């Protein structure tokens, strides 16, 4: 058991889906920074000692809807005041509208989002494009560190040459590509056809470049498929699922974890947004800024719930670490058969 030795950053924010592409970034940064600092000092301060939010409220006065909301933030200066603000919003109703628009539940919302506006947004964040704002750039760096930490976990057992890895929820191939370069036999999948097509294209380009450079490591082209987590099959040495559980409530996450564990023979690596009082507060604040386009739902998961889901199928957590930056946070864990 232990934290990572590599520098720890994190996976995408639980609320970034709602405003990473929004013009409201400049006006909302101070509010989130203030809340983040409050959360980071929670071990030495009582809730009543959290700094007032009146200054932050001035920064977001052009973004929040309604004078009443602003009055509550500016006048309260406490967690209680923030809670009052949150009671004025109804993110769950907005989420239900999202599901109804695509005729389904969370899975359909996620599928539709990452085949349309979500694909364009995250393709830009994961890629090397220059037209990203400060938050998006922070996410790009954080996601790279998450991948770096996951690969470090994988390499702790030795060479990846010939090791079978299932990259469940592969996105644009940020994990599949480096795994293939190290000689792993990768099966990669994503619910989004657009993401899978992009991952396959980028992987071919990267592996061809590596082969042209006469890399001594034998490399295998990953097998890419359009599949949701429940549809995955086969047996693998290791199953990795990064930044996917955030889209599903705990009851569905439990079933997904059980299924992923059934595919893994030796290791299961997961990342998820941890559910604590302060992180949940940051998430709810983020929901006040839905941005210009429809986004997916975002679910936090208590580490104890994730550990319980693993224990129920005969697995235990061997390594864990909290990954945080100024704007987002995640847990990355490695589980093995108990």
C-alpha atoms as a PDB file:
ATOM      1  CA  UNK A   1       0.000   0.000   0.000  1.00  0.00           C
ATOM      2  CA  UNK A   2       1.264   3.482  -0.697  1.00  0.00           C
ATOM      3  CA  UNK A   3       1.082   6.706  -2.637  1.00  0.00           C
ATOM      4  CA  UNK A   4       2.755   7.295  -5.977  1.00  0.00           C
ATOM      5  CA  UNK A   5       6.374   8.339  -6.125  1.00  0.00           C
ATOM      6  CA  UNK A   6       5.832  10.197  -9.378  1.00  0.00           C
ATOM      7  CA  UNK A   7       4.567  13.811  -9.244  1.00  0.00           C
ATOM      8  CA  UNK A   8       0.806  13.527  -8.746  1.00  0.00           C
ATOM      9  CA  UNK A   9      -1.663  15.514 -10.762  1.00  0.00           C
ATOM     10  CA  UNK A  10      -5.090  14.317 -11.800  1.00  0.00           C
ATOM     11  CA  UNK A  11      -7.866  13.383 -14.187  1.00  0.00           C
ATOM     12  CA  UNK A  12     -10.546  15.712 -15.639  1.00  0.00           C
ATOM     13  CA  UNK A  13     -12.534  17.790 -13.175  1.00  0.00           C
ATOM     14  CA  UNK A  14     -15.928  16.660 -12.044  1.00  0.00           C
ATOM     15  CA  UNK A  15     -17.358  19.973 -13.146  1.00  0.00           C
ATOM     16  CA  UNK A  16     -15.179  20.840 -16.094  1.00  0.00           C
ATOM     17  CA  UNK A  17     -17.572  19.067 -18.480  1.00  0.00           C
ATOM     18  CA  UNK A  18     -19.870  21.963 -17.757  1.00  0.00           C
ATOM     19  CA  UNK A  19     -17.655  24.946 -18.440  1.00  0.00           C
ATOM     20  CA  UNK A  20     -14.296  23.986 -19.958  1.00  0.00           C
ATOM     21  CA  UNK A  21     -15.399  25.418 -23.275  1.00  0.00           C
ATOM     22  CA  UNK A  22     -17.341  28.304 -21.790  1.00  0.00           C
ATOM     23  CA  UNK A  23     -16.489  31.976 -21.982  1.00  0.00           C
ATOM     24  CA  UNK A  24     -17.204  32.180 -18.265  1.00  0.00           C
ATOM     25  CA  UNK A  25     -13.738  30.804 -17.377  1.00  0.00           C
ATOM     26  CA  UNK A  26     -12.196  34.172 -16.522  1.00  0.00           C
ATOM     27  CA  UNK A  27     -15.042  35.221 -14.264  1.00  0.00           C
ATOM     28  CA  UNK A  28     -15.283  31.912 -12.406  1.00  0.00           C
ATOM     29  CA  UNK A  29     -11.632  31.143 -11.687  1.00  0.00           C
ATOM     30  CA  UNK A  30     -11.438  33.104  -8.426  1.00  0.00           C
ATOM     31  CA  UNK A  31     -14.512  31.422  -6.979  1.00  0.00           C
ATOM     32  CA  UNK A  32     -13.178  27.937  -7.655  1.00  0.00           C
ATOM     33  CA  UNK A  33      -9.726  28.868  -6.394  1.00  0.00           C
ATOM     34  CA  UNK A  34     -11.192  30.170  -3.149  1.00  0.00           C
ATOM     35  CA  UNK A  35     -13.246  27.034  -2.668  1.00  0.00           C
ATOM     36  CA  UNK A  36     -10.270  24.845  -3.498  1.00  0.00           C
ATOM     37  CA  UNK A  37      -8.069  26.593  -0.936  1.00  0.00           C
ATOM     38  CA  UNK A  38     -10.809  26.122   1.632  1.00  0.00           C
ATOM     39  CA  UNK A  39     -10.948  22.405   0.882  1.00  0.00           C
ATOM     40  CA  UNK A  40      -7.174  22.017   1.109  1.00  0.00           C
ATOM     41  CA  UNK A  41      -7.140  23.615   4.576  1.00  0.00           C
ATOM     42  CA  UNK A  42      -9.988  21.518   5.934  1.00  0.00           C
ATOM     43  CA  UNK A  43      -7.705  19.552   8.220  1.00  0.00           C
ATOM     44  CA  UNK A  44      -6.741  22.670  10.199  1.00  0.00           C
ATOM     45  CA  UNK A  45      -9.891  24.775   9.962  1.00  0.00           C
ATOM     46  CA  UNK A  46     -13.425  24.265  11.071  1.00  0.00           C
ATOM     47  CA  UNK A  47     -16.170  25.020   8.498  1.00  0.00           C
ATOM     48  CA  UNK A  48     -16.873  28.318  10.195  1.00  0.00           C
ATOM     49  CA  UNK A  49     -13.249  29.392   9.661  1.00  0.00           C
ATOM     50  CA  UNK A  50     -13.397  29.163   5.859  1.00  0.00           C
ATOM     51  CA  UNK A  51     -12.543  32.550   4.265  1.00  0.00           C
ATOM     52  CA  UNK A  52     -15.474  34.755   3.192  1.00  0.00           C
ATOM     53  CA  UNK A  53     -16.584  34.463  -0.421  1.00  0.00           C
ATOM     54  CA  UNK A  54     -17.627  38.060  -0.987  1.00  0.00           C
ATOM     55  CA  UNK A  55     -14.592  38.798  -3.170  1.00  0.00           C
ATOM     56  CA  UNK A  56     -15.174  35.669  -5.202  1.00  0.00           C
ATOM     57  CA  UNK A  57     -18.804  36.620  -5.639  1.00  0.00           C
ATOM     58  CA  UNK A  58     -17.776  39.898  -7.243  1.00  0.00           C
ATOM     59  CA  UNK A  59     -15.733  37.974  -9.773  1.00  0.00           C
ATOM     60  CA  UNK A  60     -18.701  35.876 -10.853  1.00  0.00           C
ATOM     61  CA  UNK A  61     -21.333  38.606 -10.829  1.00  0.00           C
ATOM     62  CA  UNK A  62     -21.616  38.488 -14.596  1.00  0.00           C
ATOM     63  CA  UNK A  63     -22.051  34.725 -14.694  1.00  0.00           C
ATOM     64  CA  UNK A  64     -24.518  33.563 -12.057  1.00  0.00           C
ATOM     65  CA  UNK A  65     -28.203  33.662 -12.799  1.00  0.00           C
ATOM     66  CA  UNK A  66     -30.300  35.787 -10.488  1.00  0.00           C
ATOM     67  CA  UNK A  67     -29.665  38.593  -8.025  1.00  0.00           C
ATOM     68  CA  UNK A  68     -30.824  36.403  -5.161  1.00  0.00           C
ATOM     69  CA  UNK A  69     -28.066  33.881  -5.808  1.00  0.00           C
ATOM     70  CA  UNK A  70     -25.429  36.613  -5.732  1.00  0.00           C
ATOM     71  CA  UNK A  71     -26.863  38.100  -2.569  1.00  0.00           C
ATOM     72  CA  UNK A  72     -26.633  34.790  -0.765  1.00  0.00           C
ATOM     73  CA  UNK A  73     -23.002  34.256  -1.775  1.00  0.00           C
ATOM     74  CA  UNK A  74     -21.889  37.807  -1.013  1.00  0.00           C
ATOM     75  CA  UNK A  75     -23.750  38.098   2.252  1.00  0.00           C
ATOM     76  CA  UNK A  76     -23.140  34.678   3.797  1.00  0.00           C
ATOM     77  CA  UNK A  77     -19.387  34.184   3.606  1.00  0.00           C
ATOM     78  CA  UNK A  78     -19.644  30.600   4.893  1.00  0.00           C
ATOM     79  CA  UNK A  79     -20.312  27.037   3.897  1.00  0.00           C
ATOM     80  CA  UNK A  80     -23.903  27.546   4.998  1.00  0.00           C
ATOM     81  CA  UNK A  81     -24.233  30.420   2.538  1.00  0.00           C
ATOM     82  CA  UNK A  82     -22.820  28.296  -0.258  1.00  0.00           C
ATOM     83  CA  UNK A  83     -25.265  25.543   0.587  1.00  0.00           C
ATOM     84  CA  UNK A  84     -28.091  28.055   0.347  1.00  0.00           C
ATOM     85  CA  UNK A  85     -26.918  29.032  -3.126  1.00  0.00           C
ATOM     86  CA  UNK A  86     -26.846  25.429  -4.208  1.00  0.00           C
ATOM     87  CA  UNK A  87     -30.400  24.934  -3.014  1.00  0.00           C
ATOM     88  CA  UNK A  88     -31.484  27.538  -5.561  1.00  0.00           C
ATOM     89  CA  UNK A  89     -30.158  25.482  -8.474  1.00  0.00           C
ATOM     90  CA  UNK A  90     -31.648  22.260  -9.765  1.00  0.00           C
ATOM     91  CA  UNK A  91     -28.894  20.364 -11.612  1.00  0.00           C
ATOM     92  CA  UNK A  92     -30.759  17.077 -11.333  1.00  0.00           C
ATOM     93  CA  UNK A  93     -33.648  18.460 -13.369  1.00  0.00           C
ATOM     94  CA  UNK A  94     -31.175  19.606 -16.009  1.00  0.00           C
ATOM     95  CA  UNK A  95     -29.609  16.147 -16.032  1.00  0.00           C
ATOM     96  CA  UNK A  96     -32.992  14.518 -16.495  1.00  0.00           C
ATOM     97  CA  UNK A  97     -33.671  16.806 -19.451  1.00  0.00           C
ATOM     98  CA  UNK A  98     -30.367  15.707 -20.980  1.00  0.00           C
ATOM     99  CA  UNK A  99     -31.376  12.066 -20.733  1.00  0.00           C
ATOM    100  CA  UNK A 100     -34.816  12.739 -22.210  1.00  0.00           C
ATOM    101  CA  UNK A 101     -33.341  14.607 -25.171  1.00  0.00           C
ATOM    102  CA  UNK A 102     -31.386  11.548 -26.280  1.00  0.00           C
ATOM    103  CA  UNK A 103     -34.054   9.055 -25.262  1.00  0.00           C
ATOM    104  CA  UNK A 104     -32.072   7.181 -22.659  1.00  0.00           C
ATOM    105  CA  UNK A 105     -30.158   7.125 -19.394  1.00  0.00           C
ATOM    106  CA  UNK A 106     -26.601   8.030 -18.412  1.00  0.00           C
ATOM    107  CA  UNK A 107     -25.084   5.705 -20.999  1.00  0.00           C
ATOM    108  CA  UNK A 108     -26.991   7.312 -23.859  1.00  0.00           C
ATOM    109  CA  UNK A 109     -26.133  10.807 -22.625  1.00  0.00           C
ATOM    110  CA  UNK A 110     -22.436   9.915 -22.450  1.00  0.00           C
ATOM    111  CA  UNK A 111     -22.522   8.267 -25.879  1.00  0.00           C
ATOM    112  CA  UNK A 112     -24.257  11.223 -27.526  1.00  0.00           C
ATOM    113  CA  UNK A 113     -22.001  13.780 -25.826  1.00  0.00           C
ATOM    114  CA  UNK A 114     -18.708  12.111 -26.749  1.00  0.00           C
ATOM    115  CA  UNK A 115     -19.813  11.617 -30.332  1.00  0.00           C
ATOM    116  CA  UNK A 116     -20.548  15.346 -30.716  1.00  0.00           C
ATOM    117  CA  UNK A 117     -19.514  18.397 -28.699  1.00  0.00           C
ATOM    118  CA  UNK A 118     -17.703  16.305 -26.112  1.00  0.00           C
ATOM    119  CA  UNK A 119     -15.509  14.703 -28.751  1.00  0.00           C
ATOM    120  CA  UNK A 120     -14.417  18.064 -30.144  1.00  0.00           C
ATOM    121  CA  UNK A 121     -13.737  19.464 -26.675  1.00  0.00           C
ATOM    122  CA  UNK A 122     -11.779  16.535 -25.287  1.00  0.00           C
ATOM    123  CA  UNK A 123      -9.932  15.908 -28.539  1.00  0.00           C
ATOM    124  CA  UNK A 124      -8.604  19.428 -28.180  1.00  0.00           C
ATOM    125  CA  UNK A 125      -7.748  18.968 -24.509  1.00  0.00           C
ATOM    126  CA  UNK A 126      -6.018  15.612 -24.972  1.00  0.00           C
ATOM    127  CA  UNK A 127      -4.180  16.746 -28.102  1.00  0.00           C
ATOM    128  CA  UNK A 128      -1.432  19.284 -28.665  1.00  0.00           C
ATOM    129  CA  UNK A 129      -3.616  22.125 -29.896  1.00  0.00           C
ATOM    130  CA  UNK A 130      -2.719  25.627 -28.766  1.00  0.00           C
ATOM    131  CA  UNK A 131      -6.223  27.136 -28.572  1.00  0.00           C
ATOM    132  CA  UNK A 132      -6.971  25.989 -25.038  1.00  0.00           C
ATOM    133  CA  UNK A 133      -7.723  28.102 -22.007  1.00  0.00           C
ATOM    134  CA  UNK A 134      -5.956  27.853 -18.671  1.00  0.00           C
ATOM    135  CA  UNK A 135      -8.267  25.209 -17.241  1.00  0.00           C
ATOM    136  CA  UNK A 136      -8.100  23.059 -20.360  1.00  0.00           C
ATOM    137  CA  UNK A 137      -4.317  23.233 -20.370  1.00  0.00           C
ATOM    138  CA  UNK A 138      -4.287  22.251 -16.705  1.00  0.00           C
ATOM    139  CA  UNK A 139      -6.477  19.261 -17.530  1.00  0.00           C
ATOM    140  CA  UNK A 140      -4.196  18.227 -20.385  1.00  0.00           C
ATOM    141  CA  UNK A 141      -1.213  18.210 -18.041  1.00  0.00           C
ATOM    142  CA  UNK A 142      -3.198  16.471 -15.324  1.00  0.00           C
ATOM    143  CA  UNK A 143      -4.477  13.754 -17.612  1.00  0.00           C
ATOM    144  CA  UNK A 144      -0.956  13.110 -18.864  1.00  0.00           C
ATOM    145  CA  UNK A 145       0.166  12.670 -15.258  1.00  0.00           C
ATOM    146  CA  UNK A 146      -2.710  10.289 -14.604  1.00  0.00           C
ATOM    147  CA  UNK A 147      -1.629   8.181 -17.576  1.00  0.00           C
ATOM    148  CA  UNK A 148       1.972   8.415 -16.390  1.00  0.00           C
ATOM    149  CA  UNK A 149       1.028   7.141 -12.938  1.00  0.00           C
ATOM    150  CA  UNK A 150      -1.060   4.304 -14.387  1.00  0.00           C
ATOM    151  CA  UNK A 151       1.848   3.202 -16.575  1.00  0.00           C
ATOM    152  CA  UNK A 152       4.162   3.368 -13.574  1.00  0.00           C
ATOM    153  CA  UNK A 153       1.831   1.008 -11.725  1.00  0.00           C
ATOM    154  CA  UNK A 154       1.902  -1.333 -14.705  1.00  0.00           C
ATOM    155  CA  UNK A 155       5.689  -1.229 -14.993  1.00  0.00           C
ATOM    156  CA  UNK A 156       6.227  -1.933 -11.301  1.00  0.00           C
ATOM    157  CA  UNK A 157       5.803  -5.628 -12.127  1.00  0.00           C
ATOM    158  CA  UNK A 158       8.416  -5.529 -14.896  1.00  0.00           C
ATOM    159  CA  UNK A 159       8.431  -5.184 -18.684  1.00  0.00           C
ATOM    160  CA  UNK A 160       5.110  -4.756 -20.497  1.00  0.00           C
ATOM    161  CA  UNK A 161       6.370  -6.718 -23.502  1.00  0.00           C
ATOM    162  CA  UNK A 162       3.637  -9.195 -24.444  1.00  0.00           C
ATOM    163  CA  UNK A 163       1.414  -8.274 -21.473  1.00  0.00           C
ATOM    164  CA  UNK A 164      -2.277  -8.156 -22.374  1.00  0.00           C
ATOM    165  CA  UNK A 165      -4.021  -4.954 -21.313  1.00  0.00           C
ATOM    166  CA  UNK A 166      -7.645  -3.896 -21.722  1.00  0.00           C
ATOM    167  CA  UNK A 167      -7.950  -0.109 -21.992  1.00  0.00           C
ATOM    168  CA  UNK A 168     -11.616   0.323 -21.084  1.00  0.00           C
ATOM    169  CA  UNK A 169     -12.807   3.779 -22.113  1.00  0.00           C
ATOM    170  CA  UNK A 170      -9.743   4.542 -24.223  1.00  0.00           C
ATOM    171  CA  UNK A 171     -10.753   8.026 -25.397  1.00  0.00           C
ATOM    172  CA  UNK A 172      -8.286   9.230 -28.013  1.00  0.00           C
ATOM    173  CA  UNK A 173      -5.669   6.641 -27.103  1.00  0.00           C
ATOM    174  CA  UNK A 174      -3.669   8.538 -24.475  1.00  0.00           C
ATOM    175  CA  UNK A 175      -2.974   5.290 -22.609  1.00  0.00           C
ATOM    176  CA  UNK A 176      -3.180   2.783 -25.472  1.00  0.00           C
ATOM    177  CA  UNK A 177      -0.424   4.468 -27.503  1.00  0.00           C
ATOM    178  CA  UNK A 178       2.325   4.425 -24.835  1.00  0.00           C
ATOM    179  CA  UNK A 179       1.335   0.889 -23.821  1.00  0.00           C
ATOM    180  CA  UNK A 180       1.672  -0.305 -27.429  1.00  0.00           C
ATOM    181  CA  UNK A 181       5.051   1.443 -27.709  1.00  0.00           C
ATOM    182  CA  UNK A 182       6.225  -0.589 -24.716  1.00  0.00           C
ATOM    183  CA  UNK A 183       5.221  -3.825 -26.376  1.00  0.00           C
ATOM    184  CA  UNK A 184       1.918  -4.485 -24.592  1.00  0.00           C
ATOM    185  CA  UNK A 185      -0.875  -6.263 -26.440  1.00  0.00           C
ATOM    186  CA  UNK A 186      -3.691  -3.764 -26.060  1.00  0.00           C
ATOM    187  CA  UNK A 187      -7.431  -4.175 -26.523  1.00  0.00           C
ATOM    188  CA  UNK A 188      -8.946  -0.689 -26.462  1.00  0.00           C
ATOM    189  CA  UNK A 189     -12.583   0.327 -26.483  1.00  0.00           C
ATOM    190  CA  UNK A 190     -14.802   3.341 -26.012  1.00  0.00           C
ATOM    191  CA  UNK A 191     -18.527   4.027 -26.106  1.00  0.00           C
ATOM    192  CA  UNK A 192     -17.887   6.812 -28.637  1.00  0.00           C
ATOM    193  CA  UNK A 193     -17.295   5.888 -32.274  1.00  0.00           C
ATOM    194  CA  UNK A 194     -15.656   9.281 -32.813  1.00  0.00           C
ATOM    195  CA  UNK A 195     -13.182   8.664 -29.989  1.00  0.00           C
ATOM    196  CA  UNK A 196     -12.322   5.191 -31.258  1.00  0.00           C
ATOM    197  CA  UNK A 197     -11.714   6.468 -34.798  1.00  0.00           C
ATOM    198  CA  UNK A 198      -9.434   9.222 -33.503  1.00  0.00           C
ATOM    199  CA  UNK A 199      -7.547   6.813 -31.240  1.00  0.00           C
ATOM    200  CA  UNK A 200      -6.987   4.377 -34.074  1.00  0.00           C
ATOM    201  CA  UNK A 201      -5.736   7.110 -36.395  1.00  0.00           C
ATOM    202  CA  UNK A 202      -3.335   8.585 -33.847  1.00  0.00           C
ATOM    203  CA  UNK A 203      -2.040   5.162 -32.817  1.00  0.00           C
ATOM    204  CA  UNK A 204      -1.205   4.200 -36.400  1.00  0.00           C
ATOM    205  CA  UNK A 205       0.673   7.467 -36.863  1.00  0.00           C
ATOM    206  CA  UNK A 206       2.600   7.130 -33.591  1.00  0.00           C
ATOM    207  CA  UNK A 207       3.549   3.491 -34.066  1.00  0.00           C
ATOM    208  CA  UNK A 208       4.638   4.093 -37.640  1.00  0.00           C
ATOM    209  CA  UNK A 209       6.885   6.916 -36.468  1.00  0.00           C
ATOM    210  CA  UNK A 210       8.373   4.692 -33.780  1.00  0.00           C
ATOM    211  CA  UNK A 211       9.006   1.900 -36.271  1.00  0.00           C
ATOM    212  CA  UNK A 212      10.682   4.355 -38.632  1.00  0.00           C
ATOM    213  CA  UNK A 213      12.948   5.328 -35.748  1.00  0.00           C
ATOM    214  CA  UNK A 214      13.980   1.645 -35.547  1.00  0.00           C
ATOM    215  CA  UNK A 215      12.675   1.173 -32.032  1.00  0.00           C
ATOM    216  CA  UNK A 216      14.089  -2.082 -30.586  1.00  0.00           C
ATOM    217  CA  UNK A 217      10.779  -2.902 -28.879  1.00  0.00           C
ATOM    218  CA  UNK A 218       8.383  -5.089 -30.907  1.00  0.00           C
ATOM    219  CA  UNK A 219       5.100  -3.189 -31.130  1.00  0.00           C
ATOM    220  CA  UNK A 220       1.597  -4.466 -31.794  1.00  0.00           C
ATOM    221  CA  UNK A 221      -1.248  -2.379 -33.154  1.00  0.00           C
ATOM    222  CA  UNK A 222      -3.996  -2.263 -30.511  1.00  0.00           C
ATOM    223  CA  UNK A 223      -7.358  -3.748 -31.319  1.00  0.00           C
ATOM    224  CA  UNK A 224      -9.926  -0.934 -31.182  1.00  0.00           C
ATOM    225  CA  UNK A 225     -13.660  -1.513 -30.668  1.00  0.00           C
ATOM    226  CA  UNK A 226     -16.767   0.587 -30.115  1.00  0.00           C
ATOM    227  CA  UNK A 227     -18.137  -0.862 -26.889  1.00  0.00           C
ATOM    228  CA  UNK A 228     -19.476   0.248 -23.532  1.00  0.00           C
ATOM    229  CA  UNK A 229     -17.993  -1.239 -20.369  1.00  0.00           C
ATOM    230  CA  UNK A 230     -20.753  -3.792 -19.897  1.00  0.00           C
ATOM    231  CA  UNK A 231     -20.159  -5.257 -23.362  1.00  0.00           C
ATOM    232  CA  UNK A 232     -16.454  -5.973 -22.902  1.00  0.00           C
ATOM    233  CA  UNK A 233     -15.369  -9.610 -22.913  1.00  0.00           C
ATOM    234  CA  UNK A 234     -12.218 -11.709 -22.918  1.00  0.00           C
ATOM    235  CA  UNK A 235      -9.421 -12.217 -20.395  1.00  0.00           C
ATOM    236  CA  UNK A 236      -6.482  -9.870 -19.823  1.00  0.00           C
ATOM    237  CA  UNK A 237      -3.528  -9.665 -17.520  1.00  0.00           C
ATOM    238  CA  UNK A 238      -4.588  -6.136 -16.575  1.00  0.00           C
ATOM    239  CA  UNK A 239      -7.700  -4.030 -17.070  1.00  0.00           C
ATOM    240  CA  UNK A 240      -7.369  -0.238 -16.879  1.00  0.00           C
ATOM    241  CA  UNK A 241     -10.334   2.127 -16.691  1.00  0.00           C
ATOM    242  CA  UNK A 242      -9.436   5.807 -16.341  1.00  0.00           C
ATOM    243  CA  UNK A 243     -11.899   8.682 -15.928  1.00  0.00           C
ATOM    244  CA  UNK A 244     -15.006   6.682 -16.827  1.00  0.00           C
ATOM    245  CA  UNK A 245     -16.763   6.023 -13.504  1.00  0.00           C
ATOM    246  CA  UNK A 246     -17.389   9.764 -13.167  1.00  0.00           C
ATOM    247  CA  UNK A 247     -20.224   9.341 -15.683  1.00  0.00           C
ATOM    248  CA  UNK A 248     -22.165   6.734 -13.682  1.00  0.00           C
ATOM    249  CA  UNK A 249     -23.902   6.586 -10.266  1.00  0.00           C
ATOM    250  CA  UNK A 250     -22.600   4.213  -7.616  1.00  0.00           C
ATOM    251  CA  UNK A 251     -25.057   1.390  -8.261  1.00  0.00           C
ATOM    252  CA  UNK A 252     -24.023   1.206 -11.912  1.00  0.00           C
ATOM    253  CA  UNK A 253     -20.373   1.712 -11.018  1.00  0.00           C
ATOM    254  CA  UNK A 254     -20.576  -1.326  -8.726  1.00  0.00           C
ATOM    255  CA  UNK A 255     -21.759  -3.522 -11.587  1.00  0.00           C
ATOM    256  CA  UNK A 256     -19.093  -2.118 -13.911  1.00  0.00           C
ATOM    257  CA  UNK A 257     -16.328  -2.743 -11.386  1.00  0.00           C
ATOM    258  CA  UNK A 258     -17.514  -6.317 -10.919  1.00  0.00           C
ATOM    259  CA  UNK A 259     -17.541  -6.868 -14.677  1.00  0.00           C
ATOM    260  CA  UNK A 260     -14.113  -5.317 -15.219  1.00  0.00           C
ATOM    261  CA  UNK A 261     -12.678  -7.441 -12.395  1.00  0.00           C
ATOM    262  CA  UNK A 262     -14.062 -10.564 -14.085  1.00  0.00           C
ATOM    263  CA  UNK A 263     -11.987  -9.706 -17.183  1.00  0.00           C
ATOM    264  CA  UNK A 264      -8.717  -9.166 -15.300  1.00  0.00           C
ATOM    265  CA  UNK A 265      -6.469 -12.003 -14.199  1.00  0.00           C
ATOM    266  CA  UNK A 266      -3.918 -10.056 -12.171  1.00  0.00           C
ATOM    267  CA  UNK A 267      -4.633  -6.335 -11.864  1.00  0.00           C
ATOM    268  CA  UNK A 268      -7.362  -3.735 -12.164  1.00  0.00           C
ATOM    269  CA  UNK A 269      -6.434  -0.034 -12.297  1.00  0.00           C
ATOM    270  CA  UNK A 270      -9.214   2.535 -11.819  1.00  0.00           C
ATOM    271  CA  UNK A 271      -9.492   6.280 -11.421  1.00  0.00           C
ATOM    272  CA  UNK A 272     -12.516   8.047  -9.979  1.00  0.00           C
ATOM    273  CA  UNK A 273     -13.504  11.392  -8.489  1.00  0.00           C
ATOM    274  CA  UNK A 274     -13.570  10.921  -4.682  1.00  0.00           C
ATOM    275  CA  UNK A 275     -16.718  11.850  -2.809  1.00  0.00           C
ATOM    276  CA  UNK A 276     -16.021  14.000   0.248  1.00  0.00           C
ATOM    277  CA  UNK A 277     -17.931  16.915   1.709  1.00  0.00           C
ATOM    278  CA  UNK A 278     -15.637  19.518   0.183  1.00  0.00           C
ATOM    279  CA  UNK A 279     -15.256  17.888  -3.209  1.00  0.00           C
ATOM    280  CA  UNK A 280     -19.005  17.449  -3.394  1.00  0.00           C
ATOM    281  CA  UNK A 281     -19.357  21.149  -2.598  1.00  0.00           C
ATOM    282  CA  UNK A 282     -16.985  22.068  -5.427  1.00  0.00           C
ATOM    283  CA  UNK A 283     -18.947  19.859  -7.795  1.00  0.00           C
ATOM    284  CA  UNK A 284     -22.238  21.499  -6.850  1.00  0.00           C
ATOM    285  CA  UNK A 285     -20.735  24.956  -7.307  1.00  0.00           C
ATOM    286  CA  UNK A 286     -19.532  23.888 -10.745  1.00  0.00           C
ATOM    287  CA  UNK A 287     -23.078  22.909 -11.663  1.00  0.00           C
ATOM    288  CA  UNK A 288     -24.061  26.562 -11.389  1.00  0.00           C
ATOM    289  CA  UNK A 289     -22.043  27.116 -14.588  1.00  0.00           C
ATOM    290  CA  UNK A 290     -23.487  24.725 -17.167  1.00  0.00           C
ATOM    291  CA  UNK A 291     -21.683  26.340 -20.117  1.00  0.00           C
ATOM    292  CA  UNK A 292     -22.999  26.813 -23.646  1.00  0.00           C
ATOM    293  CA  UNK A 293     -23.495  23.146 -24.527  1.00  0.00           C
ATOM    294  CA  UNK A 294     -25.084  20.088 -23.018  1.00  0.00           C
ATOM    295  CA  UNK A 295     -22.734  18.064 -20.816  1.00  0.00           C
ATOM    296  CA  UNK A 296     -22.700  14.685 -19.150  1.00  0.00           C
ATOM    297  CA  UNK A 297     -23.641  14.076 -15.564  1.00  0.00           C
ATOM    298  CA  UNK A 298     -20.765  13.893 -13.096  1.00  0.00           C
ATOM    299  CA  UNK A 299     -20.768  11.484 -10.153  1.00  0.00           C
ATOM    300  CA  UNK A 300     -18.401  11.389  -7.193  1.00  0.00           C
ATOM    301  CA  UNK A 301     -17.649   8.056  -5.523  1.00  0.00           C
ATOM    302  CA  UNK A 302     -16.639   7.440  -1.929  1.00  0.00           C
ATOM    303  CA  UNK A 303     -13.441   5.446  -1.732  1.00  0.00           C
ATOM    304  CA  UNK A 304     -15.090   3.139   0.790  1.00  0.00           C
ATOM    305  CA  UNK A 305     -17.826   2.333  -1.752  1.00  0.00           C
ATOM    306  CA  UNK A 306     -15.281   1.524  -4.456  1.00  0.00           C
ATOM    307  CA  UNK A 307     -13.334  -0.646  -2.026  1.00  0.00           C
ATOM    308  CA  UNK A 308     -16.534  -2.416  -0.974  1.00  0.00           C
ATOM    309  CA  UNK A 309     -17.459  -3.114  -4.606  1.00  0.00           C
ATOM    310  CA  UNK A 310     -14.025  -4.679  -5.141  1.00  0.00           C
ATOM    311  CA  UNK A 311     -14.214  -6.698  -1.926  1.00  0.00           C
ATOM    312  CA  UNK A 312     -17.605  -8.087  -2.939  1.00  0.00           C
ATOM    313  CA  UNK A 313     -15.994  -9.737  -5.983  1.00  0.00           C
ATOM    314  CA  UNK A 314     -12.893 -10.956  -4.164  1.00  0.00           C
ATOM    315  CA  UNK A 315     -10.468  -8.109  -4.903  1.00  0.00           C
ATOM    316  CA  UNK A 316      -8.491  -5.740  -2.673  1.00  0.00           C
ATOM    317  CA  UNK A 317      -6.733  -2.407  -3.191  1.00  0.00           C
ATOM    318  CA  UNK A 318      -2.955  -2.710  -3.237  1.00  0.00           C
ATOM    319  CA  UNK A 319      -1.928   0.836  -4.181  1.00  0.00           C
ATOM    320  CA  UNK A 320      -3.784   4.094  -3.942  1.00  0.00           C
ATOM    321  CA  UNK A 321      -3.158   7.804  -4.070  1.00  0.00           C
ATOM    322  CA  UNK A 322      -5.073  11.084  -4.106  1.00  0.00           C
ATOM    323  CA  UNK A 323      -4.324  13.152  -7.194  1.00  0.00           C
ATOM    324  CA  UNK A 324      -5.114  16.873  -7.082  1.00  0.00           C
ATOM    325  CA  UNK A 325      -4.428  20.138  -8.859  1.00  0.00           C
ATOM    326  CA  UNK A 326      -5.853  23.615  -8.505  1.00  0.00           C
ATOM    327  CA  UNK A 327      -8.942  22.726 -10.506  1.00  0.00           C
ATOM    328  CA  UNK A 328      -9.607  18.999 -10.261  1.00  0.00           C
ATOM    329  CA  UNK A 329      -9.057  15.847  -8.251  1.00  0.00           C
ATOM    330  CA  UNK A 330      -9.118  12.058  -8.538  1.00  0.00           C
ATOM    331  CA  UNK A 331      -8.180   8.778  -6.917  1.00  0.00           C
ATOM    332  CA  UNK A 332      -6.060   6.278  -8.822  1.00  0.00           C
ATOM    333  CA  UNK A 333      -6.030   2.760  -7.385  1.00  0.00           C
ATOM    334  CA  UNK A 334      -4.573  -0.601  -8.278  1.00  0.00           C
ATOM    335  CA  UNK A 335      -6.538  -3.653  -7.151  1.00  0.00           C
ATOM    336  CA  UNK A 336      -5.488  -7.306  -7.130  1.00  0.00           C
ATOM    337  CA  UNK A 337      -7.265 -10.563  -6.271  1.00  0.00           C
ATOM    338  CA  UNK A 338      -7.569 -10.903  -2.497  1.00  0.00           C
END
